Amino acid sequence: MLVHASEFRLNPSRRVVPVGRLIVQVKNIGEDDHNLAIRAANGHILRITPVLHPGDLAELRIRLTPGRYWLVCTIPEHEGHGMVTAFTVRKPARRR
């Protein structure tokens, strides 16, 4: 999944991903510093990037079980300005 971060949006390339290993790349295309965290439904931060300056790229690797998760910028006030979006992890459909 690729996520573009800018003022004040997170734009993921996918909203639904398969269960298992996930690689998230985040690119700061904005003018301000940002970061990216993956937050579980219970509110716990599972992974977080360092602060990304304009133009920086970072990567998170994680194994996820089915459910709903959030991508969020944890820099103060950024989430409140809209830098949060949900995504879903689900098992692939069985082929017949």
C-alpha atoms as a PDB file:
ATOM      1  CA  MET A   1       0.000   0.000   0.000  1.00  0.00           C
ATOM      2  CA  LEU A   2       1.266   3.473  -0.846  1.00  0.00           C
ATOM      3  CA  VAL A   3       0.119   6.424   1.271  1.00  0.00           C
ATOM      4  CA  HIS A   4       0.598  10.064   0.282  1.00  0.00           C
ATOM      5  CA  ALA A   5       0.679  12.467   3.240  1.00  0.00           C
ATOM      6  CA  SER A   6      -0.002  16.169   2.788  1.00  0.00           C
ATOM      7  CA  GLU A   7      -1.804  19.020   4.535  1.00  0.00           C
ATOM      8  CA  PHE A   8      -4.008  17.657   6.040  1.00  0.00           C
ATOM      9  CA  ARG A   9      -4.797  14.359   4.317  1.00  0.00           C
ATOM     10  CA  LEU A  10      -3.685  10.765   4.147  1.00  0.00           C
ATOM     11  CA  ASN A  11      -4.423   9.236   0.758  1.00  0.00           C
ATOM     12  CA  PRO A  12      -3.894   5.431   0.683  1.00  0.00           C
ATOM     13  CA  SER A  13      -3.754   3.524  -2.588  1.00  0.00           C
ATOM     14  CA  ARG A  14      -6.007   0.808  -1.089  1.00  0.00           C
ATOM     15  CA  ARG A  15      -8.750   0.690   1.533  1.00  0.00           C
ATOM     16  CA  VAL A  16      -8.951  -3.109   1.708  1.00  0.00           C
ATOM     17  CA  VAL A  17      -5.892  -5.357   2.042  1.00  0.00           C
ATOM     18  CA  PRO A  18      -5.504  -9.131   2.479  1.00  0.00           C
ATOM     19  CA  VAL A  19      -4.746 -10.682   5.845  1.00  0.00           C
ATOM     20  CA  GLY A  20      -1.071 -11.330   6.574  1.00  0.00           C
ATOM     21  CA  ARG A  21       2.054  -9.365   5.823  1.00  0.00           C
ATOM     22  CA  LEU A  22       1.518  -5.755   4.805  1.00  0.00           C
ATOM     23  CA  ILE A  23       4.101  -3.311   3.524  1.00  0.00           C
ATOM     24  CA  VAL A  24       3.052   0.321   3.762  1.00  0.00           C
ATOM     25  CA  GLN A  25       5.112   2.984   2.036  1.00  0.00           C
ATOM     26  CA  VAL A  26       4.423   6.595   2.945  1.00  0.00           C
ATOM     27  CA  LYS A  27       5.571   9.613   0.955  1.00  0.00           C
ATOM     28  CA  ASN A  28       5.341  13.117   2.385  1.00  0.00           C
ATOM     29  CA  ILE A  29       4.157  15.184  -0.570  1.00  0.00           C
ATOM     30  CA  GLY A  30       3.251  18.144   1.626  1.00  0.00           C
ATOM     31  CA  GLU A  31       5.082  21.196   2.866  1.00  0.00           C
ATOM     32  CA  ASP A  32       4.952  20.335   6.586  1.00  0.00           C
ATOM     33  CA  ASP A  33       6.504  17.463   8.546  1.00  0.00           C
ATOM     34  CA  HIS A  34       4.295  14.374   8.965  1.00  0.00           C
ATOM     35  CA  ASN A  35       4.531  10.777  10.139  1.00  0.00           C
ATOM     36  CA  LEU A  36       2.383   7.681   9.745  1.00  0.00           C
ATOM     37  CA  ALA A  37       1.138   5.264  12.374  1.00  0.00           C
ATOM     38  CA  ILE A  38      -0.989   2.146  12.097  1.00  0.00           C
ATOM     39  CA  ARG A  39      -3.526   2.107  14.931  1.00  0.00           C
ATOM     40  CA  ALA A  40      -5.618  -0.907  15.973  1.00  0.00           C
ATOM     41  CA  ALA A  41      -9.318  -0.742  16.827  1.00  0.00           C
ATOM     42  CA  ASN A  42      -8.419  -0.715  20.542  1.00  0.00           C
ATOM     43  CA  GLY A  43      -6.418   2.507  20.041  1.00  0.00           C
ATOM     44  CA  HIS A  44      -2.938   0.991  20.332  1.00  0.00           C
ATOM     45  CA  ILE A  45      -0.282   2.197  17.913  1.00  0.00           C
ATOM     46  CA  LEU A  46       1.137  -0.911  16.217  1.00  0.00           C
ATOM     47  CA  ARG A  47       3.832   0.702  14.034  1.00  0.00           C
ATOM     48  CA  ILE A  48       4.993   4.266  13.462  1.00  0.00           C
ATOM     49  CA  THR A  49       7.439   5.979  11.153  1.00  0.00           C
ATOM     50  CA  PRO A  50       9.849   8.672  12.236  1.00  0.00           C
ATOM     51  CA  VAL A  51       8.981  12.250  11.335  1.00  0.00           C
ATOM     52  CA  LEU A  52       9.033  12.663   7.570  1.00  0.00           C
ATOM     53  CA  HIS A  53      10.191  15.960   6.155  1.00  0.00           C
ATOM     54  CA  PRO A  54       8.777  17.156   2.809  1.00  0.00           C
ATOM     55  CA  GLY A  55       9.810  14.694   0.092  1.00  0.00           C
ATOM     56  CA  ASP A  56      10.779  11.892   2.524  1.00  0.00           C
ATOM     57  CA  LEU A  57       9.697   8.280   2.023  1.00  0.00           C
ATOM     58  CA  ALA A  58       9.383   5.627   4.752  1.00  0.00           C
ATOM     59  CA  GLU A  59       8.185   2.041   5.012  1.00  0.00           C
ATOM     60  CA  LEU A  60       6.318   0.051   7.660  1.00  0.00           C
ATOM     61  CA  ARG A  61       6.142  -3.769   7.678  1.00  0.00           C
ATOM     62  CA  ILE A  62       3.560  -5.555   9.776  1.00  0.00           C
ATOM     63  CA  ARG A  63       1.447  -8.724   9.938  1.00  0.00           C
ATOM     64  CA  LEU A  64      -2.234  -7.979  10.475  1.00  0.00           C
ATOM     65  CA  THR A  65      -5.245 -10.109  11.323  1.00  0.00           C
ATOM     66  CA  PRO A  66      -8.720  -9.408   9.906  1.00  0.00           C
ATOM     67  CA  GLY A  67     -10.310  -6.216  11.156  1.00  0.00           C
ATOM     68  CA  ARG A  68     -10.444  -2.465  10.849  1.00  0.00           C
ATOM     69  CA  TYR A  69      -7.329  -0.341  11.353  1.00  0.00           C
ATOM     70  CA  TRP A  70      -6.470   3.323  11.045  1.00  0.00           C
ATOM     71  CA  LEU A  71      -3.652   5.215   9.395  1.00  0.00           C
ATOM     72  CA  VAL A  72      -2.950   8.369  11.356  1.00  0.00           C
ATOM     73  CA  CYS A  73      -0.419  11.192  11.576  1.00  0.00           C
ATOM     74  CA  THR A  74       0.492  11.532  15.267  1.00  0.00           C
ATOM     75  CA  ILE A  75       2.092  14.967  15.026  1.00  0.00           C
ATOM     76  CA  PRO A  76       0.119  17.200  17.418  1.00  0.00           C
ATOM     77  CA  GLU A  77      -3.177  18.467  15.962  1.00  0.00           C
ATOM     78  CA  HIS A  78      -2.681  16.759  12.563  1.00  0.00           C
ATOM     79  CA  GLU A  79      -5.201  13.987  13.256  1.00  0.00           C
ATOM     80  CA  GLY A  80      -7.749  16.592  14.342  1.00  0.00           C
ATOM     81  CA  HIS A  81      -7.240  18.389  11.049  1.00  0.00           C
ATOM     82  CA  GLY A  82      -8.122  15.240   9.087  1.00  0.00           C
ATOM     83  CA  MET A  83      -4.961  13.148   8.864  1.00  0.00           C
ATOM     84  CA  VAL A  84      -6.704   9.887   9.708  1.00  0.00           C
ATOM     85  CA  THR A  85      -8.272   7.233   7.495  1.00  0.00           C
ATOM     86  CA  ALA A  86      -9.515   3.698   8.026  1.00  0.00           C
ATOM     87  CA  PHE A  87      -8.628   0.553   6.133  1.00  0.00           C
ATOM     88  CA  THR A  88      -9.856  -3.025   6.380  1.00  0.00           C
ATOM     89  CA  VAL A  89      -7.896  -6.266   6.519  1.00  0.00           C
ATOM     90  CA  ARG A  90      -9.870  -9.279   5.331  1.00  0.00           C
ATOM     91  CA  LYS A  91      -9.355 -12.868   4.371  1.00  0.00           C
ATOM     92  CA  PRO A  92      -9.329 -13.478   0.625  1.00  0.00           C
ATOM     93  CA  ALA A  93     -12.515 -14.982  -0.798  1.00  0.00           C
ATOM     94  CA  ARG A  94     -12.325 -18.727  -1.395  1.00  0.00           C
ATOM     95  CA  ARG A  95     -12.293 -19.730  -5.030  1.00  0.00           C
ATOM     96  CA  ARG A  96     -14.558 -22.545  -6.116  1.00  0.00           C
END
